[in-house]
Amino acid sequence: DGGDPARGIGDNSTREQLRLYFERIERLKKEHKGIS
């Protein structure tokens, strides 16, 4: 599909969506550590 071969992710919107998931998970992990 012409995307980045090393990542297996074709378009920028998919990359952006994945990046947003990572950021949300990282934020939740920080909150979890704070609560713990």
PDB file of all heavy atoms in Angstrom:
ATOM      1  N   ASP A   1       0.813  -1.210   0.000  1.00  0.00           N
ATOM      2  CA  ASP A   1       0.000   0.000   0.000  1.00  0.00           C
ATOM      3  C   ASP A   1       0.852   1.268   0.000  1.00  0.00           C
ATOM      4  O   ASP A   1       0.332   2.365   0.139  1.00  0.00           O
ATOM      5  CB  ASP A   1      -0.965   0.015   1.187  1.00  0.00           C
ATOM      6  CG  ASP A   1      -0.243   0.083   2.528  1.00  0.00           C
ATOM      7  OD1 ASP A   1       1.003   0.097   2.536  1.00  0.00           O
ATOM      8  OD2 ASP A   1      -0.937   0.136   3.556  1.00  0.00           O
ATOM      9  N   GLY A   2       2.184   1.105  -0.108  1.00  0.00           N
ATOM     10  CA  GLY A   2       3.066   2.250  -0.190  1.00  0.00           C
ATOM     11  C   GLY A   2       3.450   2.833   1.158  1.00  0.00           C
ATOM     12  O   GLY A   2       4.146   3.831   1.227  1.00  0.00           O
ATOM     13  N   GLY A   3       3.017   2.226   2.242  1.00  0.00           N
ATOM     14  CA  GLY A   3       3.317   2.751   3.578  1.00  0.00           C
ATOM     15  C   GLY A   3       4.719   2.390   4.028  1.00  0.00           C
ATOM     16  O   GLY A   3       5.531   1.873   3.279  1.00  0.00           O
ATOM     17  N   ASP A   4       5.011   2.661   5.261  1.00  0.00           N
ATOM     18  CA  ASP A   4       6.317   2.402   5.855  1.00  0.00           C
ATOM     19  C   ASP A   4       6.491   0.899   6.058  1.00  0.00           C
ATOM     20  O   ASP A   4       5.775   0.293   6.843  1.00  0.00           O
ATOM     21  CB  ASP A   4       6.405   3.138   7.193  1.00  0.00           C
ATOM     22  CG  ASP A   4       7.752   3.005   7.862  1.00  0.00           C
ATOM     23  OD1 ASP A   4       8.576   2.201   7.373  1.00  0.00           O
ATOM     24  OD2 ASP A   4       7.978   3.702   8.868  1.00  0.00           O
ATOM     25  N   PRO A   5       7.429   0.246   5.367  1.00  0.00           N
ATOM     26  CA  PRO A   5       7.558  -1.210   5.460  1.00  0.00           C
ATOM     27  C   PRO A   5       8.003  -1.695   6.830  1.00  0.00           C
ATOM     28  O   PRO A   5       7.635  -2.763   7.256  1.00  0.00           O
ATOM     29  CB  PRO A   5       8.622  -1.535   4.409  1.00  0.00           C
ATOM     30  CG  PRO A   5       9.411  -0.283   4.261  1.00  0.00           C
ATOM     31  CD  PRO A   5       8.429   0.841   4.495  1.00  0.00           C
ATOM     32  N   ALA A   6       8.800  -0.917   7.525  1.00  0.00           N
ATOM     33  CA  ALA A   6       9.323  -1.359   8.812  1.00  0.00           C
ATOM     34  C   ALA A   6       8.270  -1.324   9.899  1.00  0.00           C
ATOM     35  O   ALA A   6       8.411  -1.963  10.914  1.00  0.00           O
ATOM     36  CB  ALA A   6      10.509  -0.489   9.214  1.00  0.00           C
ATOM     37  N   ARG A   7       7.227  -0.623   9.714  1.00  0.00           N
ATOM     38  CA  ARG A   7       6.222  -0.482  10.758  1.00  0.00           C
ATOM     39  C   ARG A   7       4.958  -1.277  10.476  1.00  0.00           C
ATOM     40  O   ARG A   7       4.201  -1.552  11.372  1.00  0.00           O
ATOM     41  CB  ARG A   7       5.841   0.996  10.943  1.00  0.00           C
ATOM     42  CG  ARG A   7       7.005   1.838  11.346  1.00  0.00           C
ATOM     43  CD  ARG A   7       7.443   1.479  12.756  1.00  0.00           C
ATOM     44  NE  ARG A   7       8.712   2.090  13.035  1.00  0.00           N
ATOM     45  CZ  ARG A   7       9.824   1.439  13.295  1.00  0.00           C
ATOM     46  NH1 ARG A   7       9.855   0.149  13.330  1.00  0.00           N
ATOM     47  NH2 ARG A   7      10.944   2.084  13.532  1.00  0.00           N
ATOM     48  N   GLY A   8       4.699  -1.618   9.223  1.00  0.00           N
ATOM     49  CA  GLY A   8       3.500  -2.378   8.913  1.00  0.00           C
ATOM     50  C   GLY A   8       2.238  -1.547   9.064  1.00  0.00           C
ATOM     51  O   GLY A   8       1.153  -2.071   9.187  1.00  0.00           O
ATOM     52  N   ILE A   9       2.392  -0.236   9.077  1.00  0.00           N
ATOM     53  CA  ILE A   9       1.241   0.652   9.232  1.00  0.00           C
ATOM     54  C   ILE A   9       1.217   1.566   8.018  1.00  0.00           C
ATOM     55  O   ILE A   9       2.173   2.299   7.762  1.00  0.00           O
ATOM     56  CB  ILE A   9       1.356   1.468  10.541  1.00  0.00           C
ATOM     57  CG1 ILE A   9       1.371   0.507  11.713  1.00  0.00           C
ATOM     58  CG2 ILE A   9       0.246   2.474  10.653  1.00  0.00           C
ATOM     59  CD1 ILE A   9       1.668   1.157  13.033  1.00  0.00           C
ATOM     60  N   GLY A  10       0.109   1.520   7.293  1.00  0.00           N
ATOM     61  CA  GLY A  10       0.033   2.213   6.023  1.00  0.00           C
ATOM     62  C   GLY A  10      -0.079   3.714   6.060  1.00  0.00           C
ATOM     63  O   GLY A  10       0.838   4.429   5.688  1.00  0.00           O
ATOM     64  N   ASP A  11      -1.181   4.265   6.530  1.00  0.00           N
ATOM     65  CA  ASP A  11      -1.398   5.705   6.377  1.00  0.00           C
ATOM     66  C   ASP A  11      -1.148   6.468   7.673  1.00  0.00           C
ATOM     67  O   ASP A  11      -1.048   5.903   8.753  1.00  0.00           O
ATOM     68  CB  ASP A  11      -2.803   5.983   5.848  1.00  0.00           C
ATOM     69  CG  ASP A  11      -3.883   5.438   6.750  1.00  0.00           C
ATOM     70  OD1 ASP A  11      -3.592   5.170   7.930  1.00  0.00           O
ATOM     71  OD2 ASP A  11      -5.018   5.295   6.288  1.00  0.00           O
ATOM     72  N   ASN A  12      -1.046   7.777   7.524  1.00  0.00           N
ATOM     73  CA  ASN A  12      -0.741   8.623   8.676  1.00  0.00           C
ATOM     74  C   ASN A  12      -1.857   8.632   9.710  1.00  0.00           C
ATOM     75  O   ASN A  12      -1.589   8.776  10.895  1.00  0.00           O
ATOM     76  CB  ASN A  12      -0.437  10.049   8.215  1.00  0.00           C
ATOM     77  CG  ASN A  12       0.931  10.149   7.578  1.00  0.00           C
ATOM     78  OD1 ASN A  12       1.806   9.350   7.883  1.00  0.00           O
ATOM     79  ND2 ASN A  12       1.114  11.114   6.699  1.00  0.00           N
ATOM     80  N   SER A  13      -3.111   8.495   9.292  1.00  0.00           N
ATOM     81  CA  SER A  13      -4.205   8.510  10.268  1.00  0.00           C
ATOM     82  C   SER A  13      -4.120   7.287  11.193  1.00  0.00           C
ATOM     83  O   SER A  13      -4.412   7.384  12.384  1.00  0.00           O
ATOM     84  CB  SER A  13      -5.564   8.564   9.575  1.00  0.00           C
ATOM     85  OG  SER A  13      -5.793   7.382   8.839  1.00  0.00           O
ATOM     86  N   THR A  14      -3.701   6.159  10.645  1.00  0.00           N
ATOM     87  CA  THR A  14      -3.525   4.962  11.467  1.00  0.00           C
ATOM     88  C   THR A  14      -2.385   5.161  12.450  1.00  0.00           C
ATOM     89  O   THR A  14      -2.490   4.814  13.624  1.00  0.00           O
ATOM     90  CB  THR A  14      -3.237   3.736  10.578  1.00  0.00           C
ATOM     91  OG1 THR A  14      -4.280   3.614   9.620  1.00  0.00           O
ATOM     92  CG2 THR A  14      -3.156   2.468  11.399  1.00  0.00           C
ATOM     93  N   ARG A  15      -1.303   5.751  11.979  1.00  0.00           N
ATOM     94  CA  ARG A  15      -0.170   6.034  12.862  1.00  0.00           C
ATOM     95  C   ARG A  15      -0.585   6.987  13.976  1.00  0.00           C
ATOM     96  O   ARG A  15      -0.210   6.799  15.128  1.00  0.00           O
ATOM     97  CB  ARG A  15       0.979   6.659  12.089  1.00  0.00           C
ATOM     98  CG  ARG A  15       1.666   5.725  11.164  1.00  0.00           C
ATOM     99  CD  ARG A  15       2.718   6.479  10.406  1.00  0.00           C
ATOM    100  NE  ARG A  15       3.121   5.690   9.263  1.00  0.00           N
ATOM    101  CZ  ARG A  15       4.337   5.668   8.796  1.00  0.00           C
ATOM    102  NH1 ARG A  15       5.258   6.385   9.351  1.00  0.00           N
ATOM    103  NH2 ARG A  15       4.624   4.939   7.767  1.00  0.00           N
ATOM    104  N   GLU A  16      -1.332   8.009  13.602  1.00  0.00           N
ATOM    105  CA  GLU A  16      -1.777   9.003  14.591  1.00  0.00           C
ATOM    106  C   GLU A  16      -2.681   8.348  15.634  1.00  0.00           C
ATOM    107  O   GLU A  16      -2.560   8.602  16.825  1.00  0.00           O
ATOM    108  CB  GLU A  16      -2.522  10.146  13.889  1.00  0.00           C
ATOM    109  CG  GLU A  16      -3.044  11.212  14.811  1.00  0.00           C
ATOM    110  CD  GLU A  16      -1.943  11.992  15.527  1.00  0.00           C
ATOM    111  OE1 GLU A  16      -0.773  11.911  15.125  1.00  0.00           O
ATOM    112  OE2 GLU A  16      -2.281  12.685  16.508  1.00  0.00           O
ATOM    113  N   GLN A  17      -3.579   7.498  15.173  1.00  0.00           N
ATOM    114  CA  GLN A  17      -4.477   6.804  16.096  1.00  0.00           C
ATOM    115  C   GLN A  17      -3.678   5.926  17.063  1.00  0.00           C
ATOM    116  O   GLN A  17      -3.925   5.935  18.268  1.00  0.00           O
ATOM    117  CB  GLN A  17      -5.468   5.955  15.309  1.00  0.00           C
ATOM    118  CG  GLN A  17      -6.554   5.339  16.141  1.00  0.00           C
ATOM    119  CD  GLN A  17      -7.546   4.567  15.277  1.00  0.00           C
ATOM    120  OE1 GLN A  17      -7.246   4.167  14.157  1.00  0.00           O
ATOM    121  NE2 GLN A  17      -8.730   4.357  15.808  1.00  0.00           N
ATOM    122  N   LEU A  18      -2.704   5.208  16.548  1.00  0.00           N
ATOM    123  CA  LEU A  18      -1.864   4.356  17.387  1.00  0.00           C
ATOM    124  C   LEU A  18      -1.069   5.196  18.381  1.00  0.00           C
ATOM    125  O   LEU A  18      -0.972   4.859  19.556  1.00  0.00           O
ATOM    126  CB  LEU A  18      -0.924   3.527  16.511  1.00  0.00           C
ATOM    127  CG  LEU A  18      -0.103   2.462  17.203  1.00  0.00           C
ATOM    128  CD1 LEU A  18      -0.987   1.477  17.947  1.00  0.00           C
ATOM    129  CD2 LEU A  18       0.752   1.722  16.179  1.00  0.00           C
ATOM    130  N   ARG A  19      -0.519   6.332  17.930  1.00  0.00           N
ATOM    131  CA  ARG A  19       0.230   7.223  18.817  1.00  0.00           C
ATOM    132  C   ARG A  19      -0.663   7.722  19.947  1.00  0.00           C
ATOM    133  O   ARG A  19      -0.254   7.776  21.110  1.00  0.00           O
ATOM    134  CB  ARG A  19       0.788   8.408  18.024  1.00  0.00           C
ATOM    135  CG  ARG A  19       1.683   9.331  18.852  1.00  0.00           C
ATOM    136  CD  ARG A  19       2.095  10.568  18.060  1.00  0.00           C
ATOM    137  NE  ARG A  19       0.978  11.405  17.692  1.00  0.00           N
ATOM    138  CZ  ARG A  19       0.321  12.226  18.538  1.00  0.00           C
ATOM    139  NH1 ARG A  19       0.681  12.292  19.798  1.00  0.00           N
ATOM    140  NH2 ARG A  19      -0.686  12.966  18.110  1.00  0.00           N
ATOM    141  N   LEU A  20      -1.907   8.054  19.629  1.00  0.00           N
ATOM    142  CA  LEU A  20      -2.850   8.529  20.646  1.00  0.00           C
ATOM    143  C   LEU A  20      -3.151   7.437  21.676  1.00  0.00           C
ATOM    144  O   LEU A  20      -3.260   7.719  22.874  1.00  0.00           O
ATOM    145  CB  LEU A  20      -4.141   9.039  20.002  1.00  0.00           C
ATOM    146  CG  LEU A  20      -3.990  10.327  19.198  1.00  0.00           C
ATOM    147  CD1 LEU A  20      -5.287  10.641  18.450  1.00  0.00           C
ATOM    148  CD2 LEU A  20      -3.580  11.489  20.079  1.00  0.00           C
ATOM    149  N   TYR A  21      -3.278   6.202  21.219  1.00  0.00           N
ATOM    150  CA  TYR A  21      -3.476   5.092  22.166  1.00  0.00           C
ATOM    151  C   TYR A  21      -2.289   4.981  23.117  1.00  0.00           C
ATOM    152  O   TYR A  21      -2.456   4.817  24.318  1.00  0.00           O
ATOM    153  CB  TYR A  21      -3.670   3.760  21.436  1.00  0.00           C
ATOM    154  CG  TYR A  21      -5.042   3.558  20.856  1.00  0.00           C
ATOM    155  CD1 TYR A  21      -5.206   3.174  19.537  1.00  0.00           C
ATOM    156  CD2 TYR A  21      -6.190   3.738  21.631  1.00  0.00           C
ATOM    157  CE1 TYR A  21      -6.463   2.977  18.996  1.00  0.00           C
ATOM    158  CE2 TYR A  21      -7.447   3.543  21.098  1.00  0.00           C
ATOM    159  CZ  TYR A  21      -7.576   3.167  19.786  1.00  0.00           C
ATOM    160  OH  TYR A  21      -8.817   2.967  19.254  1.00  0.00           O
ATOM    161  N   PHE A  22      -1.081   5.057  22.550  1.00  0.00           N
ATOM    162  CA  PHE A  22       0.120   4.979  23.395  1.00  0.00           C
ATOM    163  C   PHE A  22       0.122   6.092  24.437  1.00  0.00           C
ATOM    164  O   PHE A  22       0.420   5.864  25.604  1.00  0.00           O
ATOM    165  CB  PHE A  22       1.392   5.062  22.550  1.00  0.00           C
ATOM    166  CG  PHE A  22       1.675   3.824  21.737  1.00  0.00           C
ATOM    167  CD1 PHE A  22       2.211   3.932  20.467  1.00  0.00           C
ATOM    168  CD2 PHE A  22       1.423   2.560  22.233  1.00  0.00           C
ATOM    169  CE1 PHE A  22       2.486   2.803  19.716  1.00  0.00           C
ATOM    170  CE2 PHE A  22       1.691   1.425  21.499  1.00  0.00           C
ATOM    171  CZ  PHE A  22       2.232   1.550  20.228  1.00  0.00           C
ATOM    172  N   GLU A  23      -0.191   7.305  24.001  1.00  0.00           N
ATOM    173  CA  GLU A  23      -0.183   8.440  24.931  1.00  0.00           C
ATOM    174  C   GLU A  23      -1.223   8.262  26.037  1.00  0.00           C
ATOM    175  O   GLU A  23      -0.954   8.565  27.196  1.00  0.00           O
ATOM    176  CB  GLU A  23      -0.405   9.746  24.182  1.00  0.00           C
ATOM    177  CG  GLU A  23       0.793  10.155  23.355  1.00  0.00           C
ATOM    178  CD  GLU A  23       0.549  11.410  22.527  1.00  0.00           C
ATOM    179  OE1 GLU A  23      -0.564  11.994  22.601  1.00  0.00           O
ATOM    180  OE2 GLU A  23       1.478  11.816  21.795  1.00  0.00           O
ATOM    181  N   ARG A  24      -2.407   7.771  25.671  1.00  0.00           N
ATOM    182  CA  ARG A  24      -3.446   7.538  26.685  1.00  0.00           C
ATOM    183  C   ARG A  24      -2.994   6.498  27.702  1.00  0.00           C
ATOM    184  O   ARG A  24      -3.177   6.659  28.906  1.00  0.00           O
ATOM    185  CB  ARG A  24      -4.752   7.079  26.030  1.00  0.00           C
ATOM    186  CG  ARG A  24      -5.535   8.207  25.417  1.00  0.00           C
ATOM    187  CD  ARG A  24      -6.746   7.756  24.654  1.00  0.00           C
ATOM    188  NE  ARG A  24      -7.641   6.892  25.409  1.00  0.00           N
ATOM    189  CZ  ARG A  24      -8.583   6.152  24.839  1.00  0.00           C
ATOM    190  NH1 ARG A  24      -8.752   6.164  23.529  1.00  0.00           N
ATOM    191  NH2 ARG A  24      -9.372   5.406  25.562  1.00  0.00           N
ATOM    192  N   ILE A  25      -2.412   5.409  27.216  1.00  0.00           N
ATOM    193  CA  ILE A  25      -1.950   4.344  28.107  1.00  0.00           C
ATOM    194  C   ILE A  25      -0.856   4.867  29.028  1.00  0.00           C
ATOM    195  O   ILE A  25      -0.869   4.596  30.229  1.00  0.00           O
ATOM    196  CB  ILE A  25      -1.477   3.120  27.289  1.00  0.00           C
ATOM    197  CG1 ILE A  25      -2.681   2.457  26.606  1.00  0.00           C
ATOM    198  CG2 ILE A  25      -0.725   2.126  28.163  1.00  0.00           C
ATOM    199  CD1 ILE A  25      -2.322   1.441  25.548  1.00  0.00           C
ATOM    200  N   GLU A  26       0.086   5.628  28.473  1.00  0.00           N
ATOM    201  CA  GLU A  26       1.154   6.190  29.300  1.00  0.00           C
ATOM    202  C   GLU A  26       0.594   7.117  30.374  1.00  0.00           C
ATOM    203  O   GLU A  26       1.024   7.073  31.530  1.00  0.00           O
ATOM    204  CB  GLU A  26       2.162   6.939  28.421  1.00  0.00           C
ATOM    205  CG  GLU A  26       3.004   6.022  27.556  1.00  0.00           C
ATOM    206  CD  GLU A  26       3.795   6.736  26.479  1.00  0.00           C
ATOM    207  OE1 GLU A  26       3.489   7.907  26.167  1.00  0.00           O
ATOM    208  OE2 GLU A  26       4.717   6.103  25.931  1.00  0.00           O
ATOM    209  N   ARG A  27      -0.389   7.949  30.011  1.00  0.00           N
ATOM    210  CA  ARG A  27      -1.004   8.855  30.983  1.00  0.00           C
ATOM    211  C   ARG A  27      -1.705   8.066  32.083  1.00  0.00           C
ATOM    212  O   ARG A  27      -1.550   8.360  33.273  1.00  0.00           O
ATOM    213  CB  ARG A  27      -2.013   9.785  30.289  1.00  0.00           C
ATOM    214  CG  ARG A  27      -2.698  10.760  31.233  1.00  0.00           C
ATOM    215  CD  ARG A  27      -3.697  11.665  30.521  1.00  0.00           C
ATOM    216  NE  ARG A  27      -4.578  11.000  29.580  1.00  0.00           N
ATOM    217  CZ  ARG A  27      -5.651  10.287  29.915  1.00  0.00           C
ATOM    218  NH1 ARG A  27      -5.970  10.126  31.167  1.00  0.00           N
ATOM    219  NH2 ARG A  27      -6.414   9.731  28.986  1.00  0.00           N
ATOM    220  N   LEU A  28      -2.439   7.025  31.703  1.00  0.00           N
ATOM    221  CA  LEU A  28      -3.133   6.206  32.694  1.00  0.00           C
ATOM    222  C   LEU A  28      -2.152   5.480  33.612  1.00  0.00           C
ATOM    223  O   LEU A  28      -2.410   5.336  34.816  1.00  0.00           O
ATOM    224  CB  LEU A  28      -4.066   5.207  32.004  1.00  0.00           C
ATOM    225  CG  LEU A  28      -5.289   5.832  31.338  1.00  0.00           C
ATOM    226  CD1 LEU A  28      -5.984   4.810  30.448  1.00  0.00           C
ATOM    227  CD2 LEU A  28      -6.237   6.393  32.373  1.00  0.00           C
ATOM    228  N   LYS A  29      -1.023   5.039  33.063  1.00  0.00           N
ATOM    229  CA  LYS A  29      -0.012   4.391  33.902  1.00  0.00           C
ATOM    230  C   LYS A  29       0.549   5.361  34.934  1.00  0.00           C
ATOM    231  O   LYS A  29       0.773   4.998  36.081  1.00  0.00           O
ATOM    232  CB  LYS A  29       1.128   3.826  33.041  1.00  0.00           C
ATOM    233  CG  LYS A  29       0.772   2.532  32.355  1.00  0.00           C
ATOM    234  CD  LYS A  29       1.975   1.983  31.612  1.00  0.00           C
ATOM    235  CE  LYS A  29       1.674   0.603  31.078  1.00  0.00           C
ATOM    236  NZ  LYS A  29       2.836  -0.029  30.448  1.00  0.00           N
ATOM    237  N   LYS A  30       0.777   6.613  34.521  1.00  0.00           N
ATOM    238  CA  LYS A  30       1.267   7.622  35.465  1.00  0.00           C
ATOM    239  C   LYS A  30       0.237   7.879  36.558  1.00  0.00           C
ATOM    240  O   LYS A  30       0.573   7.970  37.737  1.00  0.00           O
ATOM    241  CB  LYS A  30       1.584   8.933  34.740  1.00  0.00           C
ATOM    242  CG  LYS A  30       2.866   8.897  33.956  1.00  0.00           C
ATOM    243  CD  LYS A  30       3.119  10.216  33.247  1.00  0.00           C
ATOM    244  CE  LYS A  30       4.340  10.120  32.347  1.00  0.00           C
ATOM    245  NZ  LYS A  30       4.519  11.341  31.547  1.00  0.00           N
ATOM    246  N   GLU A  31      -1.046   7.995  36.151  1.00  0.00           N
ATOM    247  CA  GLU A  31      -2.113   8.206  37.140  1.00  0.00           C
ATOM    248  C   GLU A  31      -2.192   7.023  38.099  1.00  0.00           C
ATOM    249  O   GLU A  31      -2.352   7.193  39.302  1.00  0.00           O
ATOM    250  CB  GLU A  31      -3.460   8.402  36.442  1.00  0.00           C
ATOM    251  CG  GLU A  31      -3.591   9.724  35.708  1.00  0.00           C
ATOM    252  CD  GLU A  31      -4.894   9.839  34.939  1.00  0.00           C
ATOM    253  OE1 GLU A  31      -5.842   9.057  35.203  1.00  0.00           O
ATOM    254  OE2 GLU A  31      -4.973  10.711  34.055  1.00  0.00           O
ATOM    255  N   HIS A  32      -2.083   5.818  37.560  1.00  0.00           N
ATOM    256  CA  HIS A  32      -2.144   4.600  38.376  1.00  0.00           C
ATOM    257  C   HIS A  32      -1.016   4.589  39.393  1.00  0.00           C
ATOM    258  O   HIS A  32      -1.222   4.269  40.565  1.00  0.00           O
ATOM    259  CB  HIS A  32      -2.070   3.372  37.464  1.00  0.00           C
ATOM    260  CG  HIS A  32      -2.163   2.072  38.187  1.00  0.00           C
ATOM    261  ND1 HIS A  32      -1.050   1.408  38.632  1.00  0.00           N
ATOM    262  CD2 HIS A  32      -3.227   1.322  38.553  1.00  0.00           C
ATOM    263  CE1 HIS A  32      -1.429   0.298  39.242  1.00  0.00           C
ATOM    264  NE2 HIS A  32      -2.746   0.223  39.205  1.00  0.00           N
ATOM    265  N   LYS A  33       0.192   4.954  38.955  1.00  0.00           N
ATOM    266  CA  LYS A  33       1.332   4.992  39.871  1.00  0.00           C
ATOM    267  C   LYS A  33       1.090   6.025  40.965  1.00  0.00           C
ATOM    268  O   LYS A  33       1.360   5.771  42.145  1.00  0.00           O
ATOM    269  CB  LYS A  33       2.623   5.303  39.137  1.00  0.00           C
ATOM    270  CG  LYS A  33       3.831   5.274  40.071  1.00  0.00           C
ATOM    271  CD  LYS A  33       5.112   5.574  39.363  1.00  0.00           C
ATOM    272  CE  LYS A  33       6.331   5.583  40.238  1.00  0.00           C
ATOM    273  NZ  LYS A  33       6.185   5.677  41.642  1.00  0.00           N
ATOM    274  N   GLY A  34       0.549   7.171  40.596  1.00  0.00           N
ATOM    275  CA  GLY A  34       0.256   8.208  41.587  1.00  0.00           C
ATOM    276  C   GLY A  34      -0.752   7.736  42.619  1.00  0.00           C
ATOM    277  O   GLY A  34      -0.576   7.950  43.830  1.00  0.00           O
ATOM    278  N   ILE A  35      -1.793   7.067  42.164  1.00  0.00           N
ATOM    279  CA  ILE A  35      -2.819   6.548  43.077  1.00  0.00           C
ATOM    280  C   ILE A  35      -2.223   5.455  43.964  1.00  0.00           C
ATOM    281  O   ILE A  35      -2.473   5.422  45.174  1.00  0.00           O
ATOM    282  CB  ILE A  35      -4.042   6.029  42.290  1.00  0.00           C
ATOM    283  CG1 ILE A  35      -4.774   7.216  41.646  1.00  0.00           C
ATOM    284  CG2 ILE A  35      -4.976   5.236  43.182  1.00  0.00           C
ATOM    285  CD1 ILE A  35      -5.836   6.829  40.652  1.00  0.00           C
ATOM    286  N   SER A  36      -1.408   4.582  43.390  1.00  0.00           N
ATOM    287  CA  SER A  36      -0.758   3.522  44.183  1.00  0.00           C
ATOM    288  C   SER A  36       0.122   4.132  45.270  1.00  0.00           C
ATOM    289  O   SER A  36       0.129   3.654  46.414  1.00  0.00           O
ATOM    290  CB  SER A  36       0.086   2.618  43.290  1.00  0.00           C
ATOM    291  OG  SER A  36      -0.734   1.888  42.415  1.00  0.00           O
TER     292      SER A  36
END
